[in-house]
Amino acid sequence: MYPARPRLPALAPRLPGNSPPVVERPSVKEHTEKEWAARKDLIEALYIGDNRKLNEIMAIMETKYGFAAT
C-alpha cells in the first residue's frame, strides 16, 4: 500500500468579474540603430566569446546595462 499523501486545501472559486492580478512587465522601448551599434561588440562577446544563450544575454543587457530589448 502507498503512504498517504497530504491533501491540498481546496481553493475557493473565482467570482465573476474578479480577474486575476496582472503582473506588470517592464516596458521594452524601441532602440535606435545608434544604440544597437553601440552595444554590438558587447552582445557579440557575450554570445560568441562567452557562449551564452539569448535569454541570458537579454537578462544581462537589461540588468547590467539598462538595455531592455526583444
PDB file of N, CA and C in Angstrom:
ATOM      1  N   MET A   1       0.839  -1.180   0.000  1.00  0.00           N
ATOM      2  CA  MET A   1       0.000   0.000   0.000  1.00  0.00           C
ATOM      3  C   MET A   1       0.886   1.247   0.000  1.00  0.00           C
ATOM      4  N   TYR A   2       0.466   2.253  -0.697  1.00  0.00           N
ATOM      5  CA  TYR A   2       1.212   3.500  -0.787  1.00  0.00           C
ATOM      6  C   TYR A   2       0.979   4.347   0.470  1.00  0.00           C
ATOM      7  N   PRO A   3       1.989   5.162   0.850  1.00  0.00           N
ATOM      8  CA  PRO A   3       1.784   6.039   2.007  1.00  0.00           C
ATOM      9  C   PRO A   3       0.740   7.104   1.675  1.00  0.00           C
ATOM     10  N   ALA A   4       0.038   7.545   2.696  1.00  0.00           N
ATOM     11  CA  ALA A   4      -0.997   8.569   2.496  1.00  0.00           C
ATOM     12  C   ALA A   4      -0.355   9.880   2.067  1.00  0.00           C
ATOM     13  N   ARG A   5      -0.953  10.510   1.077  1.00  0.00           N
ATOM     14  CA  ARG A   5      -0.455  11.799   0.592  1.00  0.00           C
ATOM     15  C   ARG A   5      -1.231  12.909   1.270  1.00  0.00           C
ATOM     16  N   PRO A   6      -0.548  13.959   1.675  1.00  0.00           N
ATOM     17  CA  PRO A   6      -1.273  15.074   2.299  1.00  0.00           C
ATOM     18  C   PRO A   6      -2.193  15.723   1.264  1.00  0.00           C
ATOM     19  N   ARG A   7      -3.352  16.136   1.712  1.00  0.00           N
ATOM     20  CA  ARG A   7      -4.309  16.771   0.808  1.00  0.00           C
ATOM     21  C   ARG A   7      -4.063  18.269   0.773  1.00  0.00           C
ATOM     22  N   LEU A   8      -4.136  18.810  -0.405  1.00  0.00           N
ATOM     23  CA  LEU A   8      -4.007  20.258  -0.573  1.00  0.00           C
ATOM     24  C   LEU A   8      -5.332  20.915  -0.216  1.00  0.00           C
ATOM     25  N   PRO A   9      -5.285  22.119   0.329  1.00  0.00           N
ATOM     26  CA  PRO A   9      -6.547  22.796   0.645  1.00  0.00           C
ATOM     27  C   PRO A   9      -7.298  23.141  -0.633  1.00  0.00           C
ATOM     28  N   ALA A  10      -8.609  23.057  -0.576  1.00  0.00           N
ATOM     29  CA  ALA A  10      -9.434  23.410  -1.731  1.00  0.00           C
ATOM     30  C   ALA A  10      -9.426  24.920  -1.882  1.00  0.00           C
ATOM     31  N   LEU A  11      -9.306  25.374  -3.114  1.00  0.00           N
ATOM     32  CA  LEU A  11      -9.327  26.810  -3.392  1.00  0.00           C
ATOM     33  C   LEU A  11     -10.753  27.246  -3.656  1.00  0.00           C
ATOM     34  N   ALA A  12     -11.083  28.418  -3.212  1.00  0.00           N
ATOM     35  CA  ALA A  12     -12.417  28.958  -3.460  1.00  0.00           C
ATOM     36  C   ALA A  12     -12.524  29.327  -4.930  1.00  0.00           C
ATOM     37  N   PRO A  13     -13.698  29.128  -5.516  1.00  0.00           N
ATOM     38  CA  PRO A  13     -13.853  29.505  -6.924  1.00  0.00           C
ATOM     39  C   PRO A  13     -13.722  31.019  -7.088  1.00  0.00           C
ATOM     40  N   ARG A  14     -13.176  31.417  -8.221  1.00  0.00           N
ATOM     41  CA  ARG A  14     -13.033  32.841  -8.512  1.00  0.00           C
ATOM     42  C   ARG A  14     -14.392  33.403  -8.894  1.00  0.00           C
ATOM     43  N   LEU A  15     -14.774  34.496  -8.270  1.00  0.00           N
ATOM     44  CA  LEU A  15     -16.060  35.105  -8.539  1.00  0.00           C
ATOM     45  C   LEU A  15     -16.051  35.801  -9.890  1.00  0.00           C
ATOM     46  N   PRO A  16     -17.186  35.798 -10.589  1.00  0.00           N
ATOM     47  CA  PRO A  16     -17.238  36.500 -11.880  1.00  0.00           C
ATOM     48  C   PRO A  16     -16.889  37.972 -11.700  1.00  0.00           C
ATOM     49  N   GLY A  17     -16.134  38.479 -12.611  1.00  0.00           N
ATOM     50  CA  GLY A  17     -15.749  39.887 -12.556  1.00  0.00           C
ATOM     51  C   GLY A  17     -14.475  40.128 -11.776  1.00  0.00           C
ATOM     52  N   ASN A  18     -13.991  39.125 -11.068  1.00  0.00           N
ATOM     53  CA  ASN A  18     -12.730  39.257 -10.334  1.00  0.00           C
ATOM     54  C   ASN A  18     -11.633  38.593 -11.158  1.00  0.00           C
ATOM     55  N   SER A  19     -10.973  39.383 -11.957  1.00  0.00           N
ATOM     56  CA  SER A  19      -9.914  38.829 -12.798  1.00  0.00           C
ATOM     57  C   SER A  19      -8.651  38.647 -11.971  1.00  0.00           C
ATOM     58  N   PRO A  20      -7.779  37.733 -12.395  1.00  0.00           N
ATOM     59  CA  PRO A  20      -6.535  37.536 -11.656  1.00  0.00           C
ATOM     60  C   PRO A  20      -5.682  38.794 -11.715  1.00  0.00           C
ATOM     61  N   PRO A  21      -4.828  39.004 -10.716  1.00  0.00           N
ATOM     62  CA  PRO A  21      -3.988  40.201 -10.731  1.00  0.00           C
ATOM     63  C   PRO A  21      -3.058  40.190 -11.941  1.00  0.00           C
ATOM     64  N   VAL A  22      -2.855  41.348 -12.479  1.00  0.00           N
ATOM     65  CA  VAL A  22      -1.994  41.492 -13.649  1.00  0.00           C
ATOM     66  C   VAL A  22      -0.575  41.780 -13.179  1.00  0.00           C
ATOM     67  N   VAL A  23       0.352  40.986 -13.668  1.00  0.00           N
ATOM     68  CA  VAL A  23       1.756  41.219 -13.344  1.00  0.00           C
ATOM     69  C   VAL A  23       2.309  42.134 -14.421  1.00  0.00           C
ATOM     70  N   GLU A  24       2.751  43.297 -13.998  1.00  0.00           N
ATOM     71  CA  GLU A  24       3.249  44.247 -14.978  1.00  0.00           C
ATOM     72  C   GLU A  24       4.676  43.915 -15.358  1.00  0.00           C
ATOM     73  N   ARG A  25       4.924  43.874 -16.637  1.00  0.00           N
ATOM     74  CA  ARG A  25       6.263  43.640 -17.153  1.00  0.00           C
ATOM     75  C   ARG A  25       6.891  44.978 -17.471  1.00  0.00           C
ATOM     76  N   PRO A  26       8.197  45.063 -17.324  1.00  0.00           N
ATOM     77  CA  PRO A  26       8.832  46.331 -17.681  1.00  0.00           C
ATOM     78  C   PRO A  26       8.616  46.625 -19.157  1.00  0.00           C
ATOM     79  N   SER A  27       8.396  47.870 -19.459  1.00  0.00           N
ATOM     80  CA  SER A  27       8.166  48.215 -20.856  1.00  0.00           C
ATOM     81  C   SER A  27       9.475  48.114 -21.639  1.00  0.00           C
ATOM     82  N   VAL A  28       9.351  47.596 -22.824  1.00  0.00           N
ATOM     83  CA  VAL A  28      10.511  47.461 -23.699  1.00  0.00           C
ATOM     84  C   VAL A  28      10.427  48.586 -24.703  1.00  0.00           C
ATOM     85  N   LYS A  29      11.447  49.412 -24.708  1.00  0.00           N
ATOM     86  CA  LYS A  29      11.412  50.534 -25.629  1.00  0.00           C
ATOM     87  C   LYS A  29      12.116  50.164 -26.928  1.00  0.00           C
ATOM     88  N   GLU A  30      11.738  50.852 -27.954  1.00  0.00           N
ATOM     89  CA  GLU A  30      12.396  50.673 -29.246  1.00  0.00           C
ATOM     90  C   GLU A  30      13.741  51.377 -29.184  1.00  0.00           C
ATOM     91  N   HIS A  31      14.789  50.685 -29.576  1.00  0.00           N
ATOM     92  CA  HIS A  31      16.119  51.280 -29.564  1.00  0.00           C
ATOM     93  C   HIS A  31      16.503  51.701 -30.977  1.00  0.00           C
ATOM     94  N   THR A  32      17.254  52.764 -31.044  1.00  0.00           N
ATOM     95  CA  THR A  32      17.694  53.270 -32.347  1.00  0.00           C
ATOM     96  C   THR A  32      18.854  52.427 -32.875  1.00  0.00           C
ATOM     97  N   GLU A  33      19.132  52.600 -34.145  1.00  0.00           N
ATOM     98  CA  GLU A  33      20.271  51.906 -34.758  1.00  0.00           C
ATOM     99  C   GLU A  33      21.573  52.273 -34.046  1.00  0.00           C
ATOM    100  N   LYS A  34      21.666  53.534 -33.629  1.00  0.00           N
ATOM    101  CA  LYS A  34      22.866  54.011 -32.945  1.00  0.00           C
ATOM    102  C   LYS A  34      23.036  53.288 -31.602  1.00  0.00           C
ATOM    103  N   GLU A  35      21.926  53.093 -30.862  1.00  0.00           N
ATOM    104  CA  GLU A  35      22.004  52.385 -29.586  1.00  0.00           C
ATOM    105  C   GLU A  35      22.416  50.924 -29.786  1.00  0.00           C
ATOM    106  N   TRP A  36      21.855  50.280 -30.814  1.00  0.00           N
ATOM    107  CA  TRP A  36      22.232  48.892 -31.103  1.00  0.00           C
ATOM    108  C   TRP A  36      23.706  48.802 -31.503  1.00  0.00           C
ATOM    109  N   ALA A  37      24.146  49.729 -32.348  1.00  0.00           N
ATOM    110  CA  ALA A  37      25.537  49.715 -32.812  1.00  0.00           C
ATOM    111  C   ALA A  37      26.504  49.899 -31.646  1.00  0.00           C
ATOM    112  N   ALA A  38      26.121  50.738 -30.684  1.00  0.00           N
ATOM    113  CA  ALA A  38      26.990  50.987 -29.532  1.00  0.00           C
ATOM    114  C   ALA A  38      27.157  49.735 -28.667  1.00  0.00           C
ATOM    115  N   ARG A  39      26.204  48.817 -28.721  1.00  0.00           N
ATOM    116  CA  ARG A  39      26.265  47.608 -27.887  1.00  0.00           C
ATOM    117  C   ARG A  39      26.592  46.340 -28.667  1.00  0.00           C
ATOM    118  N   LYS A  40      26.809  46.471 -29.955  1.00  0.00           N
ATOM    119  CA  LYS A  40      27.051  45.306 -30.818  1.00  0.00           C
ATOM    120  C   LYS A  40      28.240  44.472 -30.346  1.00  0.00           C
ATOM    121  N   ASP A  41      29.354  45.113 -30.050  1.00  0.00           N
ATOM    122  CA  ASP A  41      30.544  44.367 -29.634  1.00  0.00           C
ATOM    123  C   ASP A  41      30.302  43.612 -28.331  1.00  0.00           C
ATOM    124  N   LEU A  42      29.598  44.225 -27.412  1.00  0.00           N
ATOM    125  CA  LEU A  42      29.306  43.574 -26.141  1.00  0.00           C
ATOM    126  C   LEU A  42      28.400  42.364 -26.344  1.00  0.00           C
ATOM    127  N   ILE A  43      27.373  42.523 -27.160  1.00  0.00           N
ATOM    128  CA  ILE A  43      26.449  41.418 -27.429  1.00  0.00           C
ATOM    129  C   ILE A  43      27.188  40.269 -28.122  1.00  0.00           C
ATOM    130  N   GLU A  44      28.030  40.597 -29.084  1.00  0.00           N
ATOM    131  CA  GLU A  44      28.817  39.557 -29.762  1.00  0.00           C
ATOM    132  C   GLU A  44      29.753  38.848 -28.791  1.00  0.00           C
ATOM    133  N   ALA A  45      30.382  39.591 -27.886  1.00  0.00           N
ATOM    134  CA  ALA A  45      31.282  38.992 -26.912  1.00  0.00           C
ATOM    135  C   ALA A  45      30.528  38.032 -25.993  1.00  0.00           C
ATOM    136  N   LEU A  46      29.341  38.416 -25.567  1.00  0.00           N
ATOM    137  CA  LEU A  46      28.545  37.541 -24.706  1.00  0.00           C
ATOM    138  C   LEU A  46      28.083  36.296 -25.460  1.00  0.00           C
ATOM    139  N   TYR A  47      27.676  36.471 -26.710  1.00  0.00           N
ATOM    140  CA  TYR A  47      27.124  35.365 -27.490  1.00  0.00           C
ATOM    141  C   TYR A  47      28.211  34.426 -28.016  1.00  0.00           C
ATOM    142  N   ILE A  48      29.212  35.001 -28.665  1.00  0.00           N
ATOM    143  CA  ILE A  48      30.245  34.178 -29.298  1.00  0.00           C
ATOM    144  C   ILE A  48      31.370  33.860 -28.320  1.00  0.00           C
ATOM    145  N   GLY A  49      31.889  34.881 -27.660  1.00  0.00           N
ATOM    146  CA  GLY A  49      33.011  34.683 -26.753  1.00  0.00           C
ATOM    147  C   GLY A  49      32.666  33.881 -25.510  1.00  0.00           C
ATOM    148  N   ASP A  50      31.521  34.222 -24.875  1.00  0.00           N
ATOM    149  CA  ASP A  50      31.132  33.545 -23.636  1.00  0.00           C
ATOM    150  C   ASP A  50      30.167  32.389 -23.870  1.00  0.00           C
ATOM    151  N   ASN A  51      29.736  32.198 -25.132  1.00  0.00           N
ATOM    152  CA  ASN A  51      28.840  31.099 -25.500  1.00  0.00           C
ATOM    153  C   ASN A  51      27.545  31.124 -24.678  1.00  0.00           C
ATOM    154  N   ARG A  52      26.996  32.321 -24.496  1.00  0.00           N
ATOM    155  CA  ARG A  52      25.764  32.461 -23.712  1.00  0.00           C
ATOM    156  C   ARG A  52      24.543  32.333 -24.613  1.00  0.00           C
ATOM    157  N   LYS A  53      23.423  31.968 -24.007  1.00  0.00           N
ATOM    158  CA  LYS A  53      22.159  31.838 -24.733  1.00  0.00           C
ATOM    159  C   LYS A  53      21.472  33.196 -24.783  1.00  0.00           C
ATOM    160  N   LEU A  54      20.530  33.317 -25.718  1.00  0.00           N
ATOM    161  CA  LEU A  54      19.832  34.588 -25.930  1.00  0.00           C
ATOM    162  C   LEU A  54      19.168  35.098 -24.653  1.00  0.00           C
ATOM    163  N   ASN A  55      18.465  34.214 -23.936  1.00  0.00           N
ATOM    164  CA  ASN A  55      17.767  34.686 -22.734  1.00  0.00           C
ATOM    165  C   ASN A  55      18.746  35.180 -21.674  1.00  0.00           C
ATOM    166  N   GLU A  56      19.933  34.594 -21.605  1.00  0.00           N
ATOM    167  CA  GLU A  56      20.959  35.073 -20.673  1.00  0.00           C
ATOM    168  C   GLU A  56      21.459  36.447 -21.089  1.00  0.00           C
ATOM    169  N   ILE A  57      21.702  36.614 -22.373  1.00  0.00           N
ATOM    170  CA  ILE A  57      22.200  37.893 -22.890  1.00  0.00           C
ATOM    171  C   ILE A  57      21.166  38.995 -22.641  1.00  0.00           C
ATOM    172  N   MET A  58      19.902  38.688 -22.890  1.00  0.00           N
ATOM    173  CA  MET A  58      18.850  39.676 -22.671  1.00  0.00           C
ATOM    174  C   MET A  58      18.793  40.091 -21.206  1.00  0.00           C
ATOM    175  N   ALA A  59      18.924  39.123 -20.288  1.00  0.00           N
ATOM    176  CA  ALA A  59      18.891  39.429 -18.857  1.00  0.00           C
ATOM    177  C   ALA A  59      20.094  40.277 -18.452  1.00  0.00           C
ATOM    178  N   ILE A  60      21.256  39.931 -18.940  1.00  0.00           N
ATOM    179  CA  ILE A  60      22.478  40.687 -18.627  1.00  0.00           C
ATOM    180  C   ILE A  60      22.368  42.112 -19.160  1.00  0.00           C
ATOM    181  N   MET A  61      21.930  42.235 -20.401  1.00  0.00           N
ATOM    182  CA  MET A  61      21.841  43.557 -21.016  1.00  0.00           C
ATOM    183  C   MET A  61      20.838  44.448 -20.266  1.00  0.00           C
ATOM    184  N   GLU A  62      19.755  43.847 -19.774  1.00  0.00           N
ATOM    185  CA  GLU A  62      18.756  44.647 -19.064  1.00  0.00           C
ATOM    186  C   GLU A  62      19.212  45.014 -17.671  1.00  0.00           C
ATOM    187  N   THR A  63      19.759  44.049 -16.931  1.00  0.00           N
ATOM    188  CA  THR A  63      20.121  44.331 -15.533  1.00  0.00           C
ATOM    189  C   THR A  63      21.403  45.142 -15.395  1.00  0.00           C
ATOM    190  N   LYS A  64      22.421  44.807 -16.173  1.00  0.00           N
ATOM    191  CA  LYS A  64      23.708  45.499 -16.025  1.00  0.00           C
ATOM    192  C   LYS A  64      23.787  46.803 -16.807  1.00  0.00           C
ATOM    193  N   TYR A  65      23.135  46.830 -17.965  1.00  0.00           N
ATOM    194  CA  TYR A  65      23.323  47.979 -18.853  1.00  0.00           C
ATOM    195  C   TYR A  65      22.042  48.758 -19.133  1.00  0.00           C
ATOM    196  N   GLY A  66      20.898  48.326 -18.570  1.00  0.00           N
ATOM    197  CA  GLY A  66      19.648  49.048 -18.781  1.00  0.00           C
ATOM    198  C   GLY A  66      19.162  49.008 -20.218  1.00  0.00           C
ATOM    199  N   PHE A  67      19.584  47.989 -20.959  1.00  0.00           N
ATOM    200  CA  PHE A  67      19.229  47.874 -22.371  1.00  0.00           C
ATOM    201  C   PHE A  67      18.221  46.730 -22.515  1.00  0.00           C
ATOM    202  N   ALA A  68      16.933  47.066 -22.398  1.00  0.00           N
ATOM    203  CA  ALA A  68      15.870  46.068 -22.495  1.00  0.00           C
ATOM    204  C   ALA A  68      15.351  46.050 -23.931  1.00  0.00           C
ATOM    205  N   ALA A  69      15.477  44.912 -24.578  1.00  0.00           N
ATOM    206  CA  ALA A  69      15.022  44.792 -25.955  1.00  0.00           C
ATOM    207  C   ALA A  69      14.581  43.358 -26.207  1.00  0.00           C
ATOM    208  N   THR A  70      13.786  43.181 -27.243  1.00  0.00           N
ATOM    209  CA  THR A  70      13.356  41.842 -27.624  1.00  0.00           C
ATOM    210  C   THR A  70      13.897  41.512 -28.995  1.00  0.00           C
TER     211      THR A  70
END
